[in-house]
Amino acid sequence: MLAVKSLERLIEIEADLKAQYETKLTAKSDEITKLSNSQNELEATVAKQKAKIAEQLQKITELSARSSENSRTEQLNRELNNQAKNLQEEVAMQKKRIKSLQKDLAVERDELKGLKQFDVNKMKKNLDAGKKKLAEKTTANELLQKSYNKFKKDNEELKQQVKDLEAKVPAEEEIEEKEEAATA
């Protein structure tokens, strides 16, 4: 009996303790559930934030790549602009040179046109004909020179004969006069 009474008492104490602590346990259990839910929410929020961060990191990486592509493109644009300016300057210089060469070419063409007026074959024929004429004239001149020298010599001889005759004429005139005087 004692044992039953003790047992009843234990059951009562247990029920008492249970009643006292049940509300605390329920409160703690509710609190644990709330904290668990809150922790789950926080974990979900953290997961969302991690996803956002990953997305933003991906965007930043893309933008960084684009930025480096843009700066590379801008650098290429600057280089191409410089090359274009250099090429434009070179083209301007080449145009000036071409104009100068065109002027020189026009002068050379005029000179060539003037030179083409003289036909080489015709000029050779004319030269050959001129040489022949010159040779003929030279021969004729030599003959004329010989004839001139001969005529000059003959002229000298004739002049000498004329002088001799003139010298004889007065002497003969005297003889004739004497003969006329004698015949008279």
Protein backbone atom coordinates (compact mmCIF):
# COMPACT_ATOMS: atom_id res chain seq x y z
CA MET A 1 0.00 0.00 0.00
CA LEU A 2 2.67 2.10 0.70
CA ALA A 3 3.93 1.50 -2.63
CA VAL A 4 0.63 2.36 -4.20
CA LYS A 5 0.43 5.57 -2.26
CA SER A 6 3.95 6.39 -3.19
CA LEU A 7 3.16 5.59 -6.69
CA GLU A 8 0.11 7.80 -6.68
CA ARG A 9 2.05 10.52 -5.15
CA LEU A 10 4.69 10.17 -7.80
CA ILE A 11 2.02 10.30 -10.44
CA GLU A 12 0.61 13.43 -8.88
CA ILE A 13 4.01 15.03 -8.67
CA GLU A 14 4.59 14.02 -12.23
CA ALA A 15 1.29 15.49 -13.31
CA ASP A 16 2.05 18.60 -11.35
CA LEU A 17 5.45 18.91 -12.83
CA LYS A 18 3.99 18.11 -16.18
CA ALA A 19 1.40 20.83 -15.82
CA GLN A 20 4.00 23.30 -14.66
CA TYR A 21 6.47 22.50 -17.31
CA GLU A 22 4.01 21.69 -20.13
CA THR A 23 3.24 25.32 -20.71
CA LYS A 24 6.93 26.10 -20.61
CA LEU A 25 7.66 23.15 -22.89
CA THR A 26 4.88 24.19 -25.24
CA ALA A 27 6.16 27.76 -25.23
CA LYS A 28 9.69 26.52 -25.77
CA SER A 29 8.49 24.15 -28.49
CA ASP A 30 6.58 27.00 -30.17
CA GLU A 31 9.62 29.19 -29.80
CA ILE A 32 11.82 26.47 -31.30
CA THR A 33 9.34 26.08 -34.17
CA LYS A 34 9.31 29.86 -34.72
CA LEU A 35 13.09 29.97 -34.57
CA SER A 36 13.26 27.01 -36.94
CA ASN A 37 10.90 28.75 -39.33
CA SER A 38 12.84 31.98 -38.91
CA GLN A 39 16.07 30.08 -39.54
CA ASN A 40 14.55 28.50 -42.66
CA GLU A 41 13.41 31.91 -43.82
CA LEU A 42 16.86 33.34 -43.16
CA GLU A 43 18.44 30.43 -45.01
CA ALA A 44 16.04 31.03 -47.91
CA THR A 45 16.88 34.75 -47.79
CA VAL A 46 20.59 33.93 -47.68
CA ALA A 47 20.14 31.57 -50.63
CA LYS A 48 18.26 34.30 -52.52
CA GLN A 49 20.97 36.82 -51.61
CA LYS A 50 23.66 34.35 -52.72
CA ALA A 51 21.77 33.85 -55.99
CA LYS A 52 21.50 37.64 -56.42
CA ILE A 53 25.18 38.04 -55.58
CA ALA A 54 26.10 35.31 -58.07
CA GLU A 55 23.88 36.98 -60.69
CA GLN A 56 25.40 40.37 -59.94
CA LEU A 57 28.88 38.86 -60.05
CA GLN A 58 28.05 37.35 -63.43
CA LYS A 59 26.75 40.74 -64.63
CA ILE A 60 29.86 42.46 -63.27
CA THR A 61 32.03 39.90 -65.05
CA GLU A 62 30.08 40.45 -68.28
CA LEU A 63 30.28 44.22 -67.86
CA SER A 64 33.97 43.98 -67.05
CA ALA A 65 34.50 41.88 -70.18
CA ARG A 66 32.42 44.35 -72.16
CA SER A 67 34.34 47.20 -70.61
CA SER A 68 37.66 45.63 -71.54
CA GLU A 69 36.22 44.91 -75.00
CA ASN A 70 35.02 48.52 -75.16
CA SER A 71 38.42 49.85 -74.10
CA ARG A 72 40.09 47.53 -76.58
CA THR A 73 37.62 48.70 -79.24
CA GLU A 74 38.28 52.33 -78.31
CA GLN A 75 42.03 51.69 -78.52
CA LEU A 76 41.56 50.04 -81.91
CA ASN A 77 39.40 53.00 -83.01
CA ARG A 78 42.13 55.43 -81.95
CA GLU A 79 44.77 53.40 -83.76
CA LEU A 80 42.57 53.12 -86.85
CA ASN A 81 41.87 56.88 -86.77
CA ASN A 82 45.61 57.56 -86.58
CA GLN A 83 46.25 55.15 -89.42
CA ALA A 84 43.45 56.75 -91.44
CA LYS A 85 44.95 60.23 -90.87
CA ASN A 86 48.38 58.97 -91.87
CA LEU A 87 46.91 57.32 -94.96
CA GLN A 88 45.03 60.50 -95.86
CA GLU A 89 48.24 62.51 -95.57
CA GLU A 90 50.05 59.93 -97.67
CA VAL A 91 47.25 60.01 -100.26
CA ALA A 92 47.48 63.81 -100.40
CA MET A 93 51.24 63.57 -100.94
CA GLN A 94 50.75 60.91 -103.60
CA LYS A 95 48.15 63.12 -105.33
CA LYS A 96 50.63 65.99 -105.41
CA ARG A 97 53.29 63.66 -106.74
CA ILE A 98 50.89 62.31 -109.36
CA LYS A 99 50.05 65.85 -110.50
CA SER A 100 53.74 66.64 -110.75
CA LEU A 101 54.37 63.44 -112.67
CA GLN A 102 51.41 64.17 -114.95
CA LYS A 103 52.90 67.60 -115.74
CA ASP A 104 56.27 65.97 -116.43
CA LEU A 105 54.55 63.36 -118.57
CA ALA A 106 52.76 66.07 -120.57
CA VAL A 107 56.09 67.81 -121.19
CA GLU A 108 57.69 64.54 -122.22
CA ARG A 109 54.77 63.74 -124.51
CA ASP A 110 55.10 67.14 -126.19
CA GLU A 111 58.81 66.55 -126.61
CA LEU A 112 58.18 63.05 -127.95
CA LYS A 113 55.55 64.43 -130.32
CA GLY A 114 58.11 66.92 -131.59
CA LEU A 115 60.66 64.16 -131.96
CA LYS A 116 58.20 61.90 -133.75
CA GLN A 117 57.84 64.56 -136.40
CA PHE A 118 61.32 63.56 -137.50
CA ASP A 119 61.11 60.15 -139.13
CA VAL A 120 64.33 58.29 -138.43
CA ASN A 121 64.30 56.31 -141.68
CA LYS A 122 63.49 59.41 -143.68
CA MET A 123 66.23 61.32 -141.89
CA LYS A 124 68.70 58.50 -142.66
CA LYS A 125 67.70 58.57 -146.32
CA ASN A 126 68.03 62.35 -146.33
CA LEU A 127 71.41 62.05 -144.62
CA ASP A 128 72.58 59.49 -147.15
CA ALA A 129 71.28 61.66 -149.99
CA GLY A 130 72.95 64.69 -148.39
CA LYS A 131 76.23 62.77 -148.10
CA LYS A 132 76.00 61.76 -151.76
CA LYS A 133 75.24 65.35 -152.80
CA LEU A 134 78.10 66.58 -150.63
CA ALA A 135 80.46 64.02 -152.15
CA GLU A 136 79.30 65.06 -155.64
CA LYS A 137 79.69 68.73 -154.78
CA THR A 138 83.07 68.06 -153.23
CA THR A 139 84.13 66.23 -156.38
CA ALA A 140 82.69 69.00 -158.53
CA ASN A 141 84.40 71.58 -156.32
CA GLU A 142 87.71 69.78 -156.69
CA LEU A 143 87.22 69.70 -160.44
CA LEU A 144 86.25 73.35 -160.42
CA GLN A 145 89.30 74.11 -158.25
CA LYS A 146 91.52 72.25 -160.72
CA SER A 147 89.83 74.04 -163.60
CA TYR A 148 90.18 77.35 -161.77
CA ASN A 149 93.84 76.69 -161.10
CA LYS A 150 94.28 75.70 -164.76
CA PHE A 151 92.36 78.79 -165.95
CA LYS A 152 94.33 80.92 -163.56
CA LYS A 153 97.55 79.51 -164.90
CA ASP A 154 96.27 79.91 -168.45
CA ASN A 155 95.13 83.44 -167.56
CA GLU A 156 98.58 84.22 -166.20
CA GLU A 157 100.12 82.85 -169.35
CA LEU A 158 97.68 84.85 -171.46
CA LYS A 159 98.38 87.98 -169.45
CA GLN A 160 102.05 87.38 -169.99
CA GLN A 161 101.43 86.90 -173.69
CA VAL A 162 99.32 90.08 -173.72
CA LYS A 163 102.14 91.96 -172.01
CA ASP A 164 104.61 90.53 -174.45
CA LEU A 165 102.28 91.43 -177.29
CA GLU A 166 101.69 94.88 -175.86
CA ALA A 167 105.39 95.26 -175.57
CA LYS A 168 105.74 94.10 -179.19
CA VAL A 169 102.92 96.35 -180.35
CA PRO A 170 104.78 99.59 -179.70
CA ALA A 171 107.86 98.14 -181.26
CA GLU A 172 105.88 96.95 -184.27
CA GLU A 173 104.06 100.22 -184.47
CA GLU A 174 107.40 101.89 -184.71
CA ILE A 175 108.45 99.43 -187.35
CA GLU A 176 105.19 99.97 -189.19
CA GLU A 177 105.53 103.65 -188.87
CA LYS A 178 109.01 103.39 -190.19
CA GLU A 179 107.81 101.16 -192.99
CA GLU A 180 104.99 103.52 -193.75
CA ALA A 181 107.35 106.37 -193.59
CA ALA A 182 109.69 104.48 -195.79
CA THR A 183 107.00 103.51 -198.20
CA ALA A 184 105.66 106.89 -198.18
